Amino acid sequence: QMRLVESGGGLVLAGGSLRLSCAASGRNLRNYAMGWFRQAPGKEREFVAGISVNGGNTDYADSVKGRFTISRANTKNTVYLQMNSLRPEDTAVYYCNAEGSSRNYWGQGTQVTVSS
């Protein structure tokens, strides 16, 4: 079993920055493609960013391209999401996801609130 724990969320003014972390235990993250998703109140969970096993490939939702950066530190078993130029519409609970060959793992989420 893998356990994912997100941290780094909080309240920030529009235009500000936050860095989210996703720390894994129980399994080595280096075997998993990783992603960040978010869910705003009343909306479905949506993809934000993804990174390949070796970190060589990344993908972003159009809404965050140029503002968010996903990275991973396999030696620390941690994945990050650097969020810059935050907007009120980025307000959501952010979830970390580990995509395995047989199942996916999810963290409990961290709240990000951007005030205007």
PDB file of N, CA and C in Angstrom:
ATOM      1  N   GLN A   1       0.829  -1.189   0.000  1.00  0.00           N
ATOM      2  CA  GLN A   1       0.000   0.000   0.000  1.00  0.00           C
ATOM      3  C   GLN A   1       0.869   1.248   0.000  1.00  0.00           C
ATOM      4  N   MET A   2       0.407   2.267  -0.682  1.00  0.00           N
ATOM      5  CA  MET A   2       1.089   3.545  -0.683  1.00  0.00           C
ATOM      6  C   MET A   2       0.215   4.575   0.011  1.00  0.00           C
ATOM      7  N   ARG A   3       0.841   5.424   0.787  1.00  0.00           N
ATOM      8  CA  ARG A   3       0.141   6.540   1.414  1.00  0.00           C
ATOM      9  C   ARG A   3       0.731   7.828   0.864  1.00  0.00           C
ATOM     10  N   LEU A   4      -0.156   8.717   0.416  1.00  0.00           N
ATOM     11  CA  LEU A   4       0.248  10.020  -0.107  1.00  0.00           C
ATOM     12  C   LEU A   4      -0.287  11.109   0.810  1.00  0.00           C
ATOM     13  N   VAL A   5       0.565  12.045   1.173  1.00  0.00           N
ATOM     14  CA  VAL A   5       0.165  13.136   2.057  1.00  0.00           C
ATOM     15  C   VAL A   5       0.542  14.456   1.411  1.00  0.00           C
ATOM     16  N   GLU A   6      -0.485  15.260   1.103  1.00  0.00           N
ATOM     17  CA  GLU A   6      -0.253  16.579   0.527  1.00  0.00           C
ATOM     18  C   GLU A   6      -0.083  17.616   1.627  1.00  0.00           C
ATOM     19  N   SER A   7       0.684  18.650   1.318  1.00  0.00           N
ATOM     20  CA  SER A   7       0.859  19.773   2.239  1.00  0.00           C
ATOM     21  C   SER A   7       1.192  21.010   1.427  1.00  0.00           C
ATOM     22  N   GLY A   8       1.140  22.163   2.099  1.00  0.00           N
ATOM     23  CA  GLY A   8       1.526  23.413   1.457  1.00  0.00           C
ATOM     24  C   GLY A   8       0.367  24.293   1.032  1.00  0.00           C
ATOM     25  N   GLY A   9      -0.842  23.808   1.178  1.00  0.00           N
ATOM     26  CA  GLY A   9      -1.981  24.636   0.825  1.00  0.00           C
ATOM     27  C   GLY A   9      -2.175  25.767   1.815  1.00  0.00           C
ATOM     28  N   GLY A  10      -3.108  26.659   1.481  1.00  0.00           N
ATOM     29  CA  GLY A  10      -3.387  27.775   2.376  1.00  0.00           C
ATOM     30  C   GLY A  10      -4.153  28.866   1.668  1.00  0.00           C
ATOM     31  N   LEU A  11      -4.189  30.011   2.321  1.00  0.00           N
ATOM     32  CA  LEU A  11      -4.874  31.195   1.793  1.00  0.00           C
ATOM     33  C   LEU A  11      -3.832  32.159   1.231  1.00  0.00           C
ATOM     34  N   VAL A  12      -4.052  32.610   0.009  1.00  0.00           N
ATOM     35  CA  VAL A  12      -3.107  33.515  -0.623  1.00  0.00           C
ATOM     36  C   VAL A  12      -3.866  34.548  -1.446  1.00  0.00           C
ATOM     37  N   LEU A  13      -3.305  35.718  -1.595  1.00  0.00           N
ATOM     38  CA  LEU A  13      -3.904  36.754  -2.424  1.00  0.00           C
ATOM     39  C   LEU A  13      -3.674  36.444  -3.904  1.00  0.00           C
ATOM     40  N   ALA A  14      -4.583  36.905  -4.721  1.00  0.00           N
ATOM     41  CA  ALA A  14      -4.422  36.747  -6.166  1.00  0.00           C
ATOM     42  C   ALA A  14      -3.072  37.321  -6.600  1.00  0.00           C
ATOM     43  N   GLY A  15      -2.400  36.586  -7.477  1.00  0.00           N
ATOM     44  CA  GLY A  15      -1.065  36.970  -7.909  1.00  0.00           C
ATOM     45  C   GLY A  15       0.048  36.349  -7.097  1.00  0.00           C
ATOM     46  N   GLY A  16      -0.313  35.744  -5.981  1.00  0.00           N
ATOM     47  CA  GLY A  16       0.684  35.135  -5.118  1.00  0.00           C
ATOM     48  C   GLY A  16       1.072  33.741  -5.554  1.00  0.00           C
ATOM     49  N   SER A  17       1.903  33.102  -4.724  1.00  0.00           N
ATOM     50  CA  SER A  17       2.438  31.774  -5.049  1.00  0.00           C
ATOM     51  C   SER A  17       2.305  30.833  -3.867  1.00  0.00           C
ATOM     52  N   LEU A  18       2.220  29.561  -4.191  1.00  0.00           N
ATOM     53  CA  LEU A  18       2.263  28.489  -3.209  1.00  0.00           C
ATOM     54  C   LEU A  18       3.018  27.319  -3.818  1.00  0.00           C
ATOM     55  N   ARG A  19       3.643  26.519  -2.958  1.00  0.00           N
ATOM     56  CA  ARG A  19       4.244  25.275  -3.425  1.00  0.00           C
ATOM     57  C   ARG A  19       3.630  24.122  -2.648  1.00  0.00           C
ATOM     58  N   LEU A  20       2.984  23.238  -3.370  1.00  0.00           N
ATOM     59  CA  LEU A  20       2.409  22.048  -2.759  1.00  0.00           C
ATOM     60  C   LEU A  20       3.421  20.910  -2.806  1.00  0.00           C
ATOM     61  N   SER A  21       3.373  20.090  -1.778  1.00  0.00           N
ATOM     62  CA  SER A  21       4.215  18.902  -1.721  1.00  0.00           C
ATOM     63  C   SER A  21       3.334  17.676  -1.548  1.00  0.00           C
ATOM     64  N   CYS A  22       3.794  16.573  -2.090  1.00  0.00           N
ATOM     65  CA  CYS A  22       3.110  15.292  -1.931  1.00  0.00           C
ATOM     66  C   CYS A  22       4.165  14.282  -1.532  1.00  0.00           C
ATOM     67  N   ALA A  23       4.116  13.850  -0.292  1.00  0.00           N
ATOM     68  CA  ALA A  23       5.096  12.906   0.228  1.00  0.00           C
ATOM     69  C   ALA A  23       4.494  11.509   0.271  1.00  0.00           C
ATOM     70  N   ALA A  24       5.256  10.545  -0.213  1.00  0.00           N
ATOM     71  CA  ALA A  24       4.777   9.175  -0.272  1.00  0.00           C
ATOM     72  C   ALA A  24       5.471   8.306   0.763  1.00  0.00           C
ATOM     73  N   SER A  25       4.736   7.328   1.246  1.00  0.00           N
ATOM     74  CA  SER A  25       5.314   6.313   2.122  1.00  0.00           C
ATOM     75  C   SER A  25       4.712   4.975   1.755  1.00  0.00           C
ATOM     76  N   GLY A  26       5.452   3.924   2.051  1.00  0.00           N
ATOM     77  CA  GLY A  26       4.962   2.588   1.772  1.00  0.00           C
ATOM     78  C   GLY A  26       5.398   2.026   0.431  1.00  0.00           C
ATOM     79  N   ARG A  27       5.606   2.878  -0.540  1.00  0.00           N
ATOM     80  CA  ARG A  27       6.077   2.465  -1.861  1.00  0.00           C
ATOM     81  C   ARG A  27       7.061   3.517  -2.365  1.00  0.00           C
ATOM     82  N   ASN A  28       7.883   3.139  -3.325  1.00  0.00           N
ATOM     83  CA  ASN A  28       8.826   4.082  -3.902  1.00  0.00           C
ATOM     84  C   ASN A  28       8.161   4.790  -5.085  1.00  0.00           C
ATOM     85  N   LEU A  29       8.104   6.122  -5.011  1.00  0.00           N
ATOM     86  CA  LEU A  29       7.452   6.908  -6.046  1.00  0.00           C
ATOM     87  C   LEU A  29       8.096   6.770  -7.418  1.00  0.00           C
ATOM     88  N   ARG A  30       9.328   6.352  -7.471  1.00  0.00           N
ATOM     89  CA  ARG A  30      10.045   6.325  -8.743  1.00  0.00           C
ATOM     90  C   ARG A  30       9.435   5.343  -9.746  1.00  0.00           C
ATOM     91  N   ASN A  31       8.549   4.497  -9.265  1.00  0.00           N
ATOM     92  CA  ASN A  31       7.895   3.538 -10.149  1.00  0.00           C
ATOM     93  C   ASN A  31       6.550   4.013 -10.665  1.00  0.00           C
ATOM     94  N   TYR A  32       6.180   5.259 -10.322  1.00  0.00           N
ATOM     95  CA  TYR A  32       4.843   5.746 -10.633  1.00  0.00           C
ATOM     96  C   TYR A  32       4.895   7.065 -11.389  1.00  0.00           C
ATOM     97  N   ALA A  33       4.052   7.172 -12.407  1.00  0.00           N
ATOM     98  CA  ALA A  33       3.766   8.488 -12.954  1.00  0.00           C
ATOM     99  C   ALA A  33       2.905   9.218 -11.932  1.00  0.00           C
ATOM    100  N   MET A  34       3.135  10.515 -11.789  1.00  0.00           N
ATOM    101  CA  MET A  34       2.461  11.275 -10.741  1.00  0.00           C
ATOM    102  C   MET A  34       1.648  12.413 -11.335  1.00  0.00           C
ATOM    103  N   GLY A  35       0.609  12.781 -10.630  1.00  0.00           N
ATOM    104  CA  GLY A  35      -0.214  13.878 -11.106  1.00  0.00           C
ATOM    105  C   GLY A  35      -0.817  14.676  -9.973  1.00  0.00           C
ATOM    106  N   TRP A  36      -1.215  15.884 -10.307  1.00  0.00           N
ATOM    107  CA  TRP A  36      -1.983  16.730  -9.395  1.00  0.00           C
ATOM    108  C   TRP A  36      -3.353  16.974 -10.035  1.00  0.00           C
ATOM    109  N   PHE A  37      -4.371  16.871  -9.221  1.00  0.00           N
ATOM    110  CA  PHE A  37      -5.742  17.137  -9.626  1.00  0.00           C
ATOM    111  C   PHE A  37      -6.332  18.126  -8.635  1.00  0.00           C
ATOM    112  N   ARG A  38      -7.445  18.730  -9.012  1.00  0.00           N
ATOM    113  CA  ARG A  38      -8.111  19.631  -8.079  1.00  0.00           C
ATOM    114  C   ARG A  38      -9.619  19.519  -8.229  1.00  0.00           C
ATOM    115  N   GLN A  39     -10.296  19.875  -7.152  1.00  0.00           N
ATOM    116  CA  GLN A  39     -11.752  19.860  -7.154  1.00  0.00           C
ATOM    117  C   GLN A  39     -12.275  21.078  -6.436  1.00  0.00           C
ATOM    118  N   ALA A  40     -12.986  21.908  -7.174  1.00  0.00           N
ATOM    119  CA  ALA A  40     -13.615  23.097  -6.602  1.00  0.00           C
ATOM    120  C   ALA A  40     -15.026  22.734  -6.141  1.00  0.00           C
ATOM    121  N   PRO A  41     -15.584  23.494  -5.219  1.00  0.00           N
ATOM    122  CA  PRO A  41     -16.944  23.208  -4.730  1.00  0.00           C
ATOM    123  C   PRO A  41     -17.947  23.145  -5.873  1.00  0.00           C
ATOM    124  N   GLY A  42     -18.727  22.078  -5.897  1.00  0.00           N
ATOM    125  CA  GLY A  42     -19.758  21.939  -6.911  1.00  0.00           C
ATOM    126  C   GLY A  42     -19.262  21.508  -8.268  1.00  0.00           C
ATOM    127  N   LYS A  43     -17.962  21.226  -8.378  1.00  0.00           N
ATOM    128  CA  LYS A  43     -17.404  20.833  -9.666  1.00  0.00           C
ATOM    129  C   LYS A  43     -16.753  19.461  -9.573  1.00  0.00           C
ATOM    130  N   GLU A  44     -16.522  18.850 -10.738  1.00  0.00           N
ATOM    131  CA  GLU A  44     -15.854  17.566 -10.761  1.00  0.00           C
ATOM    132  C   GLU A  44     -14.355  17.747 -10.590  1.00  0.00           C
ATOM    133  N   ARG A  45     -13.708  16.679 -10.142  1.00  0.00           N
ATOM    134  CA  ARG A  45     -12.259  16.703 -10.020  1.00  0.00           C
ATOM    135  C   ARG A  45     -11.653  16.815 -11.418  1.00  0.00           C
ATOM    136  N   GLU A  46     -10.631  17.669 -11.552  1.00  0.00           N
ATOM    137  CA  GLU A  46     -10.028  17.876 -12.851  1.00  0.00           C
ATOM    138  C   GLU A  46      -8.506  17.743 -12.788  1.00  0.00           C
ATOM    139  N   PHE A  47      -7.943  17.342 -13.918  1.00  0.00           N
ATOM    140  CA  PHE A  47      -6.500  17.213 -14.034  1.00  0.00           C
ATOM    141  C   PHE A  47      -5.844  18.587 -14.027  1.00  0.00           C
ATOM    142  N   VAL A  48      -4.716  18.690 -13.333  1.00  0.00           N
ATOM    143  CA  VAL A  48      -3.951  19.937 -13.290  1.00  0.00           C
ATOM    144  C   VAL A  48      -2.594  19.757 -13.973  1.00  0.00           C
ATOM    145  N   ALA A  49      -1.846  18.756 -13.530  1.00  0.00           N
ATOM    146  CA  ALA A  49      -0.495  18.555 -14.061  1.00  0.00           C
ATOM    147  C   ALA A  49      -0.075  17.116 -13.847  1.00  0.00           C
ATOM    148  N   GLY A  50       0.802  16.633 -14.729  1.00  0.00           N
ATOM    149  CA  GLY A  50       1.321  15.279 -14.610  1.00  0.00           C
ATOM    150  C   GLY A  50       2.792  15.231 -14.960  1.00  0.00           C
ATOM    151  N   ILE A  51       3.472  14.228 -14.423  1.00  0.00           N
ATOM    152  CA  ILE A  51       4.894  14.071 -14.678  1.00  0.00           C
ATOM    153  C   ILE A  51       5.205  12.587 -14.819  1.00  0.00           C
ATOM    154  N   SER A  52       6.079  12.261 -15.762  1.00  0.00           N
ATOM    155  CA  SER A  52       6.417  10.874 -16.037  1.00  0.00           C
ATOM    156  C   SER A  52       7.303  10.296 -14.939  1.00  0.00           C
ATOM    157  N   VAL A  53       7.521   8.999 -15.023  1.00  0.00           N
ATOM    158  CA  VAL A  53       8.282   8.295 -13.993  1.00  0.00           C
ATOM    159  C   VAL A  53       9.663   8.903 -13.783  1.00  0.00           C
ATOM    160  N   ASN A  54      10.341   9.215 -14.872  1.00  0.00           N
ATOM    161  CA  ASN A  54      11.709   9.751 -14.736  1.00  0.00           C
ATOM    162  C   ASN A  54      11.743  11.267 -14.741  1.00  0.00           C
ATOM    163  N   GLY A  55      10.569  11.891 -14.815  1.00  0.00           N
ATOM    164  CA  GLY A  55      10.507  13.349 -14.792  1.00  0.00           C
ATOM    165  C   GLY A  55      10.796  14.009 -16.115  1.00  0.00           C
ATOM    166  N   GLY A  56      10.993  13.215 -17.155  1.00  0.00           N
ATOM    167  CA  GLY A  56      11.365  13.791 -18.437  1.00  0.00           C
ATOM    168  C   GLY A  56      10.215  14.397 -19.214  1.00  0.00           C
ATOM    169  N   ASN A  57       9.015  14.007 -18.874  1.00  0.00           N
ATOM    170  CA  ASN A  57       7.836  14.523 -19.572  1.00  0.00           C
ATOM    171  C   ASN A  57       6.839  15.076 -18.577  1.00  0.00           C
ATOM    172  N   THR A  58       6.302  16.239 -18.897  1.00  0.00           N
ATOM    173  CA  THR A  58       5.273  16.858 -18.073  1.00  0.00           C
ATOM    174  C   THR A  58       4.100  17.274 -18.956  1.00  0.00           C
ATOM    175  N   ASP A  59       2.962  17.420 -18.332  1.00  0.00           N
ATOM    176  CA  ASP A  59       1.742  17.814 -19.039  1.00  0.00           C
ATOM    177  C   ASP A  59       0.932  18.708 -18.108  1.00  0.00           C
ATOM    178  N   TYR A  60       0.244  19.683 -18.679  1.00  0.00           N
ATOM    179  CA  TYR A  60      -0.506  20.634 -17.877  1.00  0.00           C
ATOM    180  C   TYR A  60      -1.875  20.900 -18.493  1.00  0.00           C
ATOM    181  N   ALA A  61      -2.827  21.180 -17.640  1.00  0.00           N
ATOM    182  CA  ALA A  61      -4.104  21.682 -18.108  1.00  0.00           C
ATOM    183  C   ALA A  61      -3.879  23.070 -18.723  1.00  0.00           C
ATOM    184  N   ASP A  62      -4.654  23.389 -19.740  1.00  0.00           N
ATOM    185  CA  ASP A  62      -4.489  24.690 -20.403  1.00  0.00           C
ATOM    186  C   ASP A  62      -4.625  25.844 -19.420  1.00  0.00           C
ATOM    187  N   SER A  63      -5.477  25.672 -18.427  1.00  0.00           N
ATOM    188  CA  SER A  63      -5.762  26.758 -17.488  1.00  0.00           C
ATOM    189  C   SER A  63      -4.580  27.109 -16.591  1.00  0.00           C
ATOM    190  N   VAL A  64      -3.594  26.215 -16.495  1.00  0.00           N
ATOM    191  CA  VAL A  64      -2.468  26.473 -15.590  1.00  0.00           C
ATOM    192  C   VAL A  64      -1.134  26.558 -16.320  1.00  0.00           C
ATOM    193  N   LYS A  65      -1.121  26.319 -17.622  1.00  0.00           N
ATOM    194  CA  LYS A  65       0.126  26.364 -18.382  1.00  0.00           C
ATOM    195  C   LYS A  65       0.791  27.726 -18.231  1.00  0.00           C
ATOM    196  N   GLY A  66       2.102  27.691 -17.992  1.00  0.00           N
ATOM    197  CA  GLY A  66       2.853  28.922 -17.827  1.00  0.00           C
ATOM    198  C   GLY A  66       2.823  29.481 -16.423  1.00  0.00           C
ATOM    199  N   ARG A  67       1.971  28.935 -15.569  1.00  0.00           N
ATOM    200  CA  ARG A  67       1.866  29.418 -14.183  1.00  0.00           C
ATOM    201  C   ARG A  67       2.266  28.347 -13.176  1.00  0.00           C
ATOM    202  N   PHE A  68       1.953  27.099 -13.459  1.00  0.00           N
ATOM    203  CA  PHE A  68       2.238  25.995 -12.544  1.00  0.00           C
ATOM    204  C   PHE A  68       3.378  25.138 -13.092  1.00  0.00           C
ATOM    205  N   THR A  69       4.155  24.572 -12.188  1.00  0.00           N
ATOM    206  CA  THR A  69       5.237  23.668 -12.576  1.00  0.00           C
ATOM    207  C   THR A  69       5.226  22.441 -11.669  1.00  0.00           C
ATOM    208  N   ILE A  70       5.174  21.272 -12.285  1.00  0.00           N
ATOM    209  CA  ILE A  70       5.239  20.026 -11.516  1.00  0.00           C
ATOM    210  C   ILE A  70       6.670  19.508 -11.580  1.00  0.00           C
ATOM    211  N   SER A  71       7.134  18.959 -10.468  1.00  0.00           N
ATOM    212  CA  SER A  71       8.472  18.378 -10.425  1.00  0.00           C
ATOM    213  C   SER A  71       8.457  17.231  -9.422  1.00  0.00           C
ATOM    214  N   ARG A  72       9.522  16.442  -9.473  1.00  0.00           N
ATOM    215  CA  ARG A  72       9.593  15.318  -8.541  1.00  0.00           C
ATOM    216  C   ARG A  72      11.025  15.146  -8.054  1.00  0.00           C
ATOM    217  N   ALA A  73      11.126  14.677  -6.819  1.00  0.00           N
ATOM    218  CA  ALA A  73      12.421  14.349  -6.230  1.00  0.00           C
ATOM    219  C   ALA A  73      12.318  12.902  -5.762  1.00  0.00           C
ATOM    220  N   ASN A  74      12.678  12.000  -6.634  1.00  0.00           N
ATOM    221  CA  ASN A  74      12.512  10.576  -6.307  1.00  0.00           C
ATOM    222  C   ASN A  74      13.332  10.152  -5.094  1.00  0.00           C
ATOM    223  N   THR A  75      14.472  10.821  -4.884  1.00  0.00           N
ATOM    224  CA  THR A  75      15.290  10.470  -3.718  1.00  0.00           C
ATOM    225  C   THR A  75      14.602  10.858  -2.418  1.00  0.00           C
ATOM    226  N   LYS A  76      13.684  11.812  -2.501  1.00  0.00           N
ATOM    227  CA  LYS A  76      12.924  12.227  -1.318  1.00  0.00           C
ATOM    228  C   LYS A  76      11.518  11.643  -1.321  1.00  0.00           C
ATOM    229  N   ASN A  77      11.205  10.852  -2.358  1.00  0.00           N
ATOM    230  CA  ASN A  77       9.868  10.260  -2.476  1.00  0.00           C
ATOM    231  C   ASN A  77       8.780  11.325  -2.425  1.00  0.00           C
ATOM    232  N   THR A  78       9.015  12.441  -3.121  1.00  0.00           N
ATOM    233  CA  THR A  78       8.130  13.598  -3.038  1.00  0.00           C
ATOM    234  C   THR A  78       7.909  14.195  -4.422  1.00  0.00           C
ATOM    235  N   VAL A  79       6.706  14.681  -4.636  1.00  0.00           N
ATOM    236  CA  VAL A  79       6.348  15.404  -5.852  1.00  0.00           C
ATOM    237  C   VAL A  79       5.883  16.795  -5.438  1.00  0.00           C
ATOM    238  N   TYR A  80       6.167  17.779  -6.278  1.00  0.00           N
ATOM    239  CA  TYR A  80       5.843  19.167  -5.955  1.00  0.00           C
ATOM    240  C   TYR A  80       4.959  19.779  -7.039  1.00  0.00           C
ATOM    241  N   LEU A  81       4.250  20.815  -6.644  1.00  0.00           N
ATOM    242  CA  LEU A  81       3.521  21.643  -7.599  1.00  0.00           C
ATOM    243  C   LEU A  81       3.768  23.096  -7.209  1.00  0.00           C
ATOM    244  N   GLN A  82       4.578  23.772  -8.001  1.00  0.00           N
ATOM    245  CA  GLN A  82       4.817  25.197  -7.794  1.00  0.00           C
ATOM    246  C   GLN A  82       3.731  25.966  -8.523  1.00  0.00           C
ATOM    247  N   MET A  83       3.018  26.791  -7.786  1.00  0.00           N
ATOM    248  CA  MET A  83       1.901  27.543  -8.358  1.00  0.00           C
ATOM    249  C   MET A  83       2.181  29.033  -8.235  1.00  0.00           C
ATOM    250  N   ASN A  84       2.319  29.696  -9.357  1.00  0.00           N
ATOM    251  CA  ASN A  84       2.575  31.129  -9.401  1.00  0.00           C
ATOM    252  C   ASN A  84       1.403  31.857 -10.046  1.00  0.00           C
ATOM    253  N   SER A  85       1.362  33.149  -9.862  1.00  0.00           N
ATOM    254  CA  SER A  85       0.312  33.987 -10.454  1.00  0.00           C
ATOM    255  C   SER A  85      -1.067  33.394 -10.192  1.00  0.00           C
ATOM    256  N   LEU A  86      -1.310  33.053  -8.954  1.00  0.00           N
ATOM    257  CA  LEU A  86      -2.567  32.393  -8.604  1.00  0.00           C
ATOM    258  C   LEU A  86      -3.757  33.304  -8.816  1.00  0.00           C
ATOM    259  N   ARG A  87      -4.858  32.679  -9.198  1.00  0.00           N
ATOM    260  CA  ARG A  87      -6.111  33.388  -9.487  1.00  0.00           C
ATOM    261  C   ARG A  87      -7.220  32.843  -8.588  1.00  0.00           C
ATOM    262  N   PRO A  88      -8.255  33.627  -8.352  1.00  0.00           N
ATOM    263  CA  PRO A  88      -9.369  33.120  -7.541  1.00  0.00           C
ATOM    264  C   PRO A  88      -9.947  31.814  -8.088  1.00  0.00           C
ATOM    265  N   GLU A  89      -9.926  31.623  -9.389  1.00  0.00           N
ATOM    266  CA  GLU A  89     -10.477  30.398  -9.980  1.00  0.00           C
ATOM    267  C   GLU A  89      -9.591  29.177  -9.734  1.00  0.00           C
ATOM    268  N   ASP A  90      -8.415  29.379  -9.168  1.00  0.00           N
ATOM    269  CA  ASP A  90      -7.569  28.245  -8.777  1.00  0.00           C
ATOM    270  C   ASP A  90      -7.975  27.679  -7.410  1.00  0.00           C
ATOM    271  N   THR A  91      -8.896  28.339  -6.745  1.00  0.00           N
ATOM    272  CA  THR A  91      -9.362  27.862  -5.446  1.00  0.00           C
ATOM    273  C   THR A  91      -9.984  26.480  -5.570  1.00  0.00           C
ATOM    274  N   ALA A  92      -9.468  25.537  -4.785  1.00  0.00           N
ATOM    275  CA  ALA A  92      -9.929  24.152  -4.853  1.00  0.00           C
ATOM    276  C   ALA A  92      -9.177  23.331  -3.821  1.00  0.00           C
ATOM    277  N   VAL A  93      -9.618  22.105  -3.645  1.00  0.00           N
ATOM    278  CA  VAL A  93      -8.825  21.118  -2.917  1.00  0.00           C
ATOM    279  C   VAL A  93      -7.930  20.433  -3.949  1.00  0.00           C
ATOM    280  N   TYR A  94      -6.644  20.388  -3.659  1.00  0.00           N
ATOM    281  CA  TYR A  94      -5.672  19.807  -4.581  1.00  0.00           C
ATOM    282  C   TYR A  94      -5.265  18.421  -4.087  1.00  0.00           C
ATOM    283  N   TYR A  95      -5.305  17.469  -5.005  1.00  0.00           N
ATOM    284  CA  TYR A  95      -5.020  16.078  -4.689  1.00  0.00           C
ATOM    285  C   TYR A  95      -3.820  15.579  -5.483  1.00  0.00           C
ATOM    286  N   CYS A  96      -3.028  14.762  -4.825  1.00  0.00           N
ATOM    287  CA  CYS A  96      -1.907  14.095  -5.455  1.00  0.00           C
ATOM    288  C   CYS A  96      -2.352  12.698  -5.888  1.00  0.00           C
ATOM    289  N   ASN A  97      -1.847  12.256  -7.030  1.00  0.00           N
ATOM    290  CA  ASN A  97      -2.210  10.943  -7.563  1.00  0.00           C
ATOM    291  C   ASN A  97      -0.968  10.208  -8.030  1.00  0.00           C
ATOM    292  N   ALA A  98      -0.894   8.921  -7.685  1.00  0.00           N
ATOM    293  CA  ALA A  98       0.177   8.049  -8.167  1.00  0.00           C
ATOM    294  C   ALA A  98      -0.459   7.000  -9.077  1.00  0.00           C
ATOM    295  N   GLU A  99      -0.009   6.955 -10.315  1.00  0.00           N
ATOM    296  CA  GLU A  99      -0.603   6.046 -11.299  1.00  0.00           C
ATOM    297  C   GLU A  99       0.268   4.810 -11.437  1.00  0.00           C
ATOM    298  N   GLY A 100      -0.242   3.687 -10.921  1.00  0.00           N
ATOM    299  CA  GLY A 100       0.472   2.425 -11.031  1.00  0.00           C
ATOM    300  C   GLY A 100      -0.077   1.570 -12.150  1.00  0.00           C
ATOM    301  N   SER A 101       0.576   0.453 -12.392  1.00  0.00           N
ATOM    302  CA  SER A 101       0.145  -0.450 -13.472  1.00  0.00           C
ATOM    303  C   SER A 101      -1.161  -1.140 -13.128  1.00  0.00           C
ATOM    304  N   SER A 102      -1.423  -1.309 -11.836  1.00  0.00           N
ATOM    305  CA  SER A 102      -2.625  -2.039 -11.451  1.00  0.00           C
ATOM    306  C   SER A 102      -3.631  -1.191 -10.688  1.00  0.00           C
ATOM    307  N   ARG A 103      -3.192  -0.088 -10.110  1.00  0.00           N
ATOM    308  CA  ARG A 103      -4.117   0.791  -9.390  1.00  0.00           C
ATOM    309  C   ARG A 103      -3.525   2.172  -9.214  1.00  0.00           C
ATOM    310  N   ASN A 104      -4.420   3.108  -8.907  1.00  0.00           N
ATOM    311  CA  ASN A 104      -4.018   4.470  -8.587  1.00  0.00           C
ATOM    312  C   ASN A 104      -4.145   4.709  -7.092  1.00  0.00           C
ATOM    313  N   TYR A 105      -3.313   5.620  -6.609  1.00  0.00           N
ATOM    314  CA  TYR A 105      -3.383   6.025  -5.209  1.00  0.00           C
ATOM    315  C   TYR A 105      -3.665   7.526  -5.146  1.00  0.00           C
ATOM    316  N   TRP A 106      -4.428   7.917  -4.128  1.00  0.00           N
ATOM    317  CA  TRP A 106      -4.799   9.315  -3.932  1.00  0.00           C
ATOM    318  C   TRP A 106      -4.448   9.755  -2.523  1.00  0.00           C
ATOM    319  N   GLY A 107      -4.071  11.026  -2.403  1.00  0.00           N
ATOM    320  CA  GLY A 107      -3.909  11.620  -1.088  1.00  0.00           C
ATOM    321  C   GLY A 107      -5.236  12.166  -0.597  1.00  0.00           C
ATOM    322  N   GLN A 108      -5.195  12.775   0.593  1.00  0.00           N
ATOM    323  CA  GLN A 108      -6.419  13.280   1.205  1.00  0.00           C
ATOM    324  C   GLN A 108      -6.750  14.692   0.752  1.00  0.00           C
ATOM    325  N   GLY A 109      -5.800  15.354   0.104  1.00  0.00           N
ATOM    326  CA  GLY A 109      -6.037  16.682  -0.430  1.00  0.00           C
ATOM    327  C   GLY A 109      -5.572  17.795   0.490  1.00  0.00           C
ATOM    328  N   THR A 110      -5.284  18.936  -0.113  1.00  0.00           N
ATOM    329  CA  THR A 110      -4.921  20.140   0.630  1.00  0.00           C
ATOM    330  C   THR A 110      -5.663  21.320   0.017  1.00  0.00           C
ATOM    331  N   GLN A 111      -6.218  22.156   0.885  1.00  0.00           N
ATOM    332  CA  GLN A 111      -7.056  23.267   0.415  1.00  0.00           C
ATOM    333  C   GLN A 111      -6.192  24.445  -0.027  1.00  0.00           C
ATOM    334  N   VAL A 112      -6.495  24.961  -1.193  1.00  0.00           N
ATOM    335  CA  VAL A 112      -5.888  26.194  -1.695  1.00  0.00           C
ATOM    336  C   VAL A 112      -7.007  27.203  -1.916  1.00  0.00           C
ATOM    337  N   THR A 113      -6.875  28.350  -1.290  1.00  0.00           N
ATOM    338  CA  THR A 113      -7.867  29.413  -1.422  1.00  0.00           C
ATOM    339  C   THR A 113      -7.168  30.675  -1.888  1.00  0.00           C
ATOM    340  N   VAL A 114      -7.628  31.224  -2.995  1.00  0.00           N
ATOM    341  CA  VAL A 114      -7.045  32.435  -3.563  1.00  0.00           C
ATOM    342  C   VAL A 114      -8.081  33.544  -3.482  1.00  0.00           C
ATOM    343  N   SER A 115      -7.751  34.582  -2.758  1.00  0.00           N
ATOM    344  CA  SER A 115      -8.694  35.690  -2.599  1.00  0.00           C
ATOM    345  C   SER A 115      -8.329  36.826  -3.546  1.00  0.00           C
ATOM    346  N   SER A 116      -9.357  37.523  -3.978  1.00  0.00           N
ATOM    347  CA  SER A 116      -9.138  38.635  -4.932  1.00  0.00           C
ATOM    348  C   SER A 116      -8.962  39.949  -4.210  1.00  0.00           C
TER     349      SER A 116
END
